């Protein structure tokens, strides 16, 4: 939700981007068929790719995140 700035559409976009990188790592594990010329790496490196990119995206987006004003404030019925 931080990545999406509390907007459902952006959250869906973030999930699709993660899915793209997850599919890309599967293609790269097949011997780099998608990108010829890559060095031979252990498959664990490719498994980490979507998660590393997600962490980088969170670091970048968290700096610009606009949090809701009511976040972490208790709700008391009848108060404004």
N, C-alpha and C. Protein backbone atom coordinates (compact mmCIF):
# COMPACT_ATOMS: atom_id res chain seq x y z
N UNK A 1 0.82 -1.19 0.00
CA UNK A 1 0.00 0.00 0.00
C UNK A 1 0.86 1.26 0.00
N UNK A 2 2.05 1.18 0.59
CA UNK A 2 2.96 2.34 0.55
C UNK A 2 3.38 2.60 -0.89
N UNK A 3 3.70 1.53 -1.61
CA UNK A 3 4.11 1.65 -3.01
C UNK A 3 2.99 2.30 -3.82
N UNK A 4 1.76 1.95 -3.53
CA UNK A 4 0.62 2.42 -4.31
C UNK A 4 0.02 3.72 -3.79
N UNK A 5 0.57 4.30 -2.75
CA UNK A 5 0.03 5.52 -2.14
C UNK A 5 -1.44 5.37 -1.78
N UNK A 6 -1.80 4.20 -1.30
CA UNK A 6 -3.15 3.89 -0.86
C UNK A 6 -4.17 4.02 -1.98
N UNK A 7 -3.79 3.65 -3.19
CA UNK A 7 -4.70 3.67 -4.33
C UNK A 7 -4.75 2.26 -4.94
N UNK A 8 -5.96 1.70 -5.06
CA UNK A 8 -6.08 0.33 -5.55
C UNK A 8 -5.55 0.13 -6.97
N UNK A 9 -5.73 1.09 -7.83
CA UNK A 9 -5.25 0.96 -9.21
C UNK A 9 -3.73 0.85 -9.27
N UNK A 10 -3.06 1.65 -8.47
CA UNK A 10 -1.60 1.59 -8.43
C UNK A 10 -1.14 0.28 -7.79
N UNK A 11 -1.89 -0.24 -6.84
CA UNK A 11 -1.54 -1.52 -6.23
C UNK A 11 -1.63 -2.64 -7.27
N UNK A 12 -2.65 -2.58 -8.11
CA UNK A 12 -2.78 -3.56 -9.18
C UNK A 12 -1.61 -3.45 -10.15
N UNK A 13 -1.23 -2.25 -10.49
CA UNK A 13 -0.09 -2.03 -11.38
C UNK A 13 1.19 -2.59 -10.75
N UNK A 14 1.39 -2.37 -9.47
CA UNK A 14 2.56 -2.92 -8.78
C UNK A 14 2.57 -4.43 -8.80
N UNK A 15 1.40 -5.05 -8.63
CA UNK A 15 1.32 -6.51 -8.68
C UNK A 15 1.64 -7.03 -10.08
N UNK A 16 1.19 -6.32 -11.11
CA UNK A 16 1.49 -6.72 -12.49
C UNK A 16 2.97 -6.57 -12.80
N UNK A 17 3.60 -5.53 -12.28
CA UNK A 17 5.04 -5.34 -12.50
C UNK A 17 5.80 -6.47 -11.82
N UNK A 18 5.40 -6.85 -10.60
CA UNK A 18 6.06 -7.96 -9.91
C UNK A 18 5.88 -9.25 -10.70
N UNK A 19 4.67 -9.47 -11.23
CA UNK A 19 4.42 -10.68 -12.02
C UNK A 19 5.28 -10.70 -13.29
N UNK A 20 5.47 -9.53 -13.91
CA UNK A 20 6.33 -9.46 -15.09
C UNK A 20 7.75 -9.87 -14.75
N UNK A 21 8.29 -9.36 -13.66
CA UNK A 21 9.66 -9.71 -13.27
C UNK A 21 9.76 -11.16 -12.83
N UNK A 22 8.70 -11.70 -12.25
CA UNK A 22 8.69 -13.11 -11.89
C UNK A 22 8.72 -13.98 -13.14
N UNK A 23 7.95 -13.61 -14.16
CA UNK A 23 7.98 -14.35 -15.42
C UNK A 23 9.32 -14.18 -16.13
N UNK A 24 9.91 -13.00 -16.02
CA UNK A 24 11.22 -12.76 -16.64
C UNK A 24 12.29 -13.65 -16.02
N UNK A 25 12.26 -13.82 -14.71
CA UNK A 25 13.27 -14.66 -14.08
C UNK A 25 13.12 -16.12 -14.52
N UNK A 26 11.90 -16.55 -14.80
CA UNK A 26 11.72 -17.91 -15.32
C UNK A 26 12.36 -18.06 -16.69
N UNK A 27 12.19 -17.04 -17.54
CA UNK A 27 12.80 -17.08 -18.87
C UNK A 27 14.32 -17.04 -18.78
N UNK A 28 14.84 -16.25 -17.84
CA UNK A 28 16.29 -16.15 -17.70
C UNK A 28 16.88 -17.45 -17.17
N UNK A 29 16.13 -18.19 -16.37
CA UNK A 29 16.61 -19.48 -15.86
C UNK A 29 16.73 -20.51 -16.97
N UNK A 30 15.99 -20.33 -18.04
CA UNK A 30 16.03 -21.29 -19.15
C UNK A 30 17.27 -21.12 -20.00
N UNK A 31 18.22 -20.38 -19.53
CA UNK A 31 19.45 -20.21 -20.28
C UNK A 31 19.57 -18.85 -20.92
N UNK A 32 18.79 -17.90 -20.46
CA UNK A 32 18.89 -16.56 -21.01
C UNK A 32 18.33 -16.46 -22.41
N UNK A 33 17.32 -17.27 -22.72
CA UNK A 33 16.74 -17.25 -24.07
C UNK A 33 16.17 -15.88 -24.42
N UNK A 34 15.69 -15.17 -23.40
CA UNK A 34 15.11 -13.85 -23.66
C UNK A 34 16.20 -12.80 -23.94
N UNK A 35 17.35 -12.95 -23.30
CA UNK A 35 18.44 -11.99 -23.45
C UNK A 35 19.75 -12.73 -23.70
N UNK A 36 20.09 -12.99 -24.94
CA UNK A 36 21.33 -13.72 -25.21
C UNK A 36 22.55 -12.89 -24.81
N UNK A 37 23.61 -13.59 -24.44
CA UNK A 37 24.84 -12.92 -24.06
C UNK A 37 25.00 -12.72 -22.57
N UNK A 38 24.02 -13.13 -21.77
CA UNK A 38 24.15 -13.01 -20.32
C UNK A 38 25.09 -14.08 -19.80
N UNK A 39 25.86 -13.77 -18.78
CA UNK A 39 26.75 -14.78 -18.22
C UNK A 39 25.95 -15.88 -17.52
N UNK A 40 26.54 -17.04 -17.41
CA UNK A 40 25.90 -18.17 -16.73
C UNK A 40 25.94 -17.93 -15.22
N UNK A 41 24.79 -17.75 -14.62
CA UNK A 41 24.67 -17.48 -13.19
C UNK A 41 23.88 -18.61 -12.53
N UNK A 42 24.08 -18.83 -11.23
CA UNK A 42 23.25 -19.82 -10.53
C UNK A 42 21.78 -19.40 -10.57
N UNK A 43 20.90 -20.37 -10.60
CA UNK A 43 19.48 -20.07 -10.73
C UNK A 43 18.94 -19.28 -9.54
N UNK A 44 19.60 -19.36 -8.38
CA UNK A 44 19.15 -18.63 -7.20
C UNK A 44 19.22 -17.12 -7.42
N UNK A 45 20.16 -16.67 -8.22
CA UNK A 45 20.28 -15.24 -8.52
C UNK A 45 19.04 -14.78 -9.27
N UNK A 46 18.57 -15.59 -10.20
CA UNK A 46 17.38 -15.24 -10.95
C UNK A 46 16.12 -15.31 -10.08
N UNK A 47 16.11 -16.23 -9.11
CA UNK A 47 14.98 -16.30 -8.19
C UNK A 47 14.86 -15.05 -7.33
N UNK A 48 15.99 -14.42 -7.03
CA UNK A 48 15.99 -13.21 -6.19
C UNK A 48 15.56 -11.97 -6.96
N UNK A 49 15.65 -11.99 -8.26
CA UNK A 49 15.42 -10.80 -9.09
C UNK A 49 14.11 -10.07 -8.80
N UNK A 50 12.93 -10.73 -8.80
CA UNK A 50 11.69 -9.98 -8.54
C UNK A 50 11.65 -9.33 -7.15
N UNK A 51 12.24 -10.01 -6.16
CA UNK A 51 12.19 -9.50 -4.80
C UNK A 51 13.15 -8.32 -4.61
N UNK A 52 14.31 -8.41 -5.22
CA UNK A 52 15.26 -7.30 -5.15
C UNK A 52 14.68 -6.06 -5.82
N UNK A 53 14.06 -6.26 -6.97
CA UNK A 53 13.45 -5.12 -7.66
C UNK A 53 12.28 -4.54 -6.88
N UNK A 54 11.53 -5.40 -6.18
CA UNK A 54 10.43 -4.91 -5.34
C UNK A 54 10.95 -4.07 -4.17
N UNK A 55 12.03 -4.52 -3.56
CA UNK A 55 12.62 -3.77 -2.45
C UNK A 55 13.13 -2.42 -2.95
N UNK A 56 13.78 -2.40 -4.10
CA UNK A 56 14.25 -1.14 -4.67
C UNK A 56 13.09 -0.19 -4.96
N UNK A 57 12.00 -0.73 -5.51
CA UNK A 57 10.83 0.11 -5.79
C UNK A 57 10.24 0.67 -4.51
N UNK A 58 10.19 -0.12 -3.45
CA UNK A 58 9.67 0.37 -2.16
C UNK A 58 10.56 1.45 -1.58
N UNK A 59 11.87 1.30 -1.70
CA UNK A 59 12.78 2.31 -1.18
C UNK A 59 12.56 3.64 -1.90
N UNK A 60 12.44 3.58 -3.21
CA UNK A 60 12.24 4.79 -4.00
C UNK A 60 10.89 5.43 -3.71
N UNK A 61 9.84 4.61 -3.66
CA UNK A 61 8.49 5.14 -3.48
C UNK A 61 8.23 5.59 -2.04
N UNK A 62 8.88 4.98 -1.06
CA UNK A 62 8.63 5.34 0.34
C UNK A 62 9.11 6.75 0.64
N UNK A 63 10.08 7.22 -0.08
CA UNK A 63 10.56 8.59 0.14
C UNK A 63 9.52 9.62 -0.27
N UNK A 64 8.69 9.28 -1.26
CA UNK A 64 7.70 10.22 -1.76
C UNK A 64 6.29 9.89 -1.29
N UNK A 65 6.15 8.93 -0.39
CA UNK A 65 4.83 8.47 0.03
C UNK A 65 4.09 9.54 0.82
N UNK A 66 2.83 9.68 0.52
CA UNK A 66 1.95 10.58 1.26
C UNK A 66 1.01 9.70 2.08
N UNK A 67 1.22 9.70 3.38
CA UNK A 67 0.43 8.84 4.25
C UNK A 67 -0.89 9.51 4.60
N UNK A 68 -1.96 8.72 4.79
CA UNK A 68 -3.24 9.30 5.21
C UNK A 68 -3.10 9.94 6.59
N UNK A 69 -3.81 11.03 6.81
CA UNK A 69 -3.71 11.74 8.08
C UNK A 69 -4.24 10.90 9.24
N UNK A 70 -5.18 10.03 8.97
CA UNK A 70 -5.79 9.23 10.03
C UNK A 70 -5.01 7.95 10.33
N UNK A 71 -3.92 7.74 9.67
CA UNK A 71 -3.16 6.52 9.89
C UNK A 71 -2.60 6.50 11.31
N UNK A 72 -2.79 5.38 11.99
CA UNK A 72 -2.31 5.13 13.36
C UNK A 72 -2.99 6.00 14.42
N UNK A 73 -4.11 6.60 14.11
CA UNK A 73 -4.89 7.33 15.11
C UNK A 73 -6.09 6.47 15.49
N UNK A 74 -6.33 6.29 16.78
CA UNK A 74 -7.45 5.44 17.18
C UNK A 74 -8.79 6.08 16.81
N UNK A 75 -9.74 5.24 16.45
CA UNK A 75 -11.08 5.71 16.14
C UNK A 75 -11.93 5.66 17.40
N UNK A 76 -12.53 6.77 17.73
CA UNK A 76 -13.44 6.83 18.86
C UNK A 76 -14.78 7.33 18.37
N UNK A 77 -15.77 6.51 18.53
CA UNK A 77 -17.10 6.82 18.02
C UNK A 77 -17.63 8.09 18.66
N UNK A 78 -18.16 8.97 17.82
CA UNK A 78 -18.74 10.22 18.29
C UNK A 78 -17.77 11.37 18.34
N UNK A 79 -16.48 11.15 18.19
CA UNK A 79 -15.50 12.25 18.18
C UNK A 79 -15.19 12.66 16.76
N UNK A 80 -14.78 13.89 16.59
CA UNK A 80 -14.38 14.37 15.27
C UNK A 80 -13.01 14.91 15.35
